[in-house]
């Protein structure tokens, strides 16, 4: 049976963004990084009350139905997170399951508004820590500065190179020449089309996640109090599921 590429594209977006659902129109708002060079322009926030990016961490939790569920880490946003409690518990007896612990490890994810230079459309870019670090490093470099500035910023080249099943982004960098994002009418239209990236981070109910925690650990919790997790400063790897080509 031939591979259903449309299904793989849908799954790729779900896994990359941390979102699930059947609303393909909504998922089509996301930019898909293709193998090779992808030219984008990162857009600034609409106002001073928001950052130009939204930040979260995502747990990939197996559901037992042949798929994983993406759950935003509550601890990342200053709330108790039963999935983090399960993550730490799974490294030790009596719940020890290192493979499952690695699977549900919280991994950083960042959402940005960008202009796809190939189509001139405003899309949501969902990336891991590796690409985000490159963008931030450029903005701290006096040779570039604020690459999101509408007048003096820089386009950004995302260069995706596959090594076996794994994507690498080592060659990704801003274009050396700064330039306006577009003409005034284009910029006005793009800024009016910004997606609400901060609304993408939706925290699930604590009690519901407590049930998920109990399932993951294979037994009921011994206390109604959340388990102590200690400091968690994990640096995520890049989104390894980008291997599903569009």
Foldseek 3Di string as FASTA:
>chain_A
DDDDLVVLVQVLLCLLLLDDDDPVVVSVLADQDFAFKFKKAFAAALDPVDGQKAKWWWFFDDDVPPGTHIATAVVRVVDDGLLLLLLQPCCDPPQPDPVNSVRRPIFMKMWGWIQRVVVRATGIYIKGDVVVVQQVVQCVDPLANDLNDQAFHFMKMQHWDDDDLFTDRVPTHTDSGTGHPDPPVSVVVSSVVDDPNNVSNDHDDRVVSQVVSCVSSVHHDPDPDRDDNPDDDDHHDISSSSSSHD
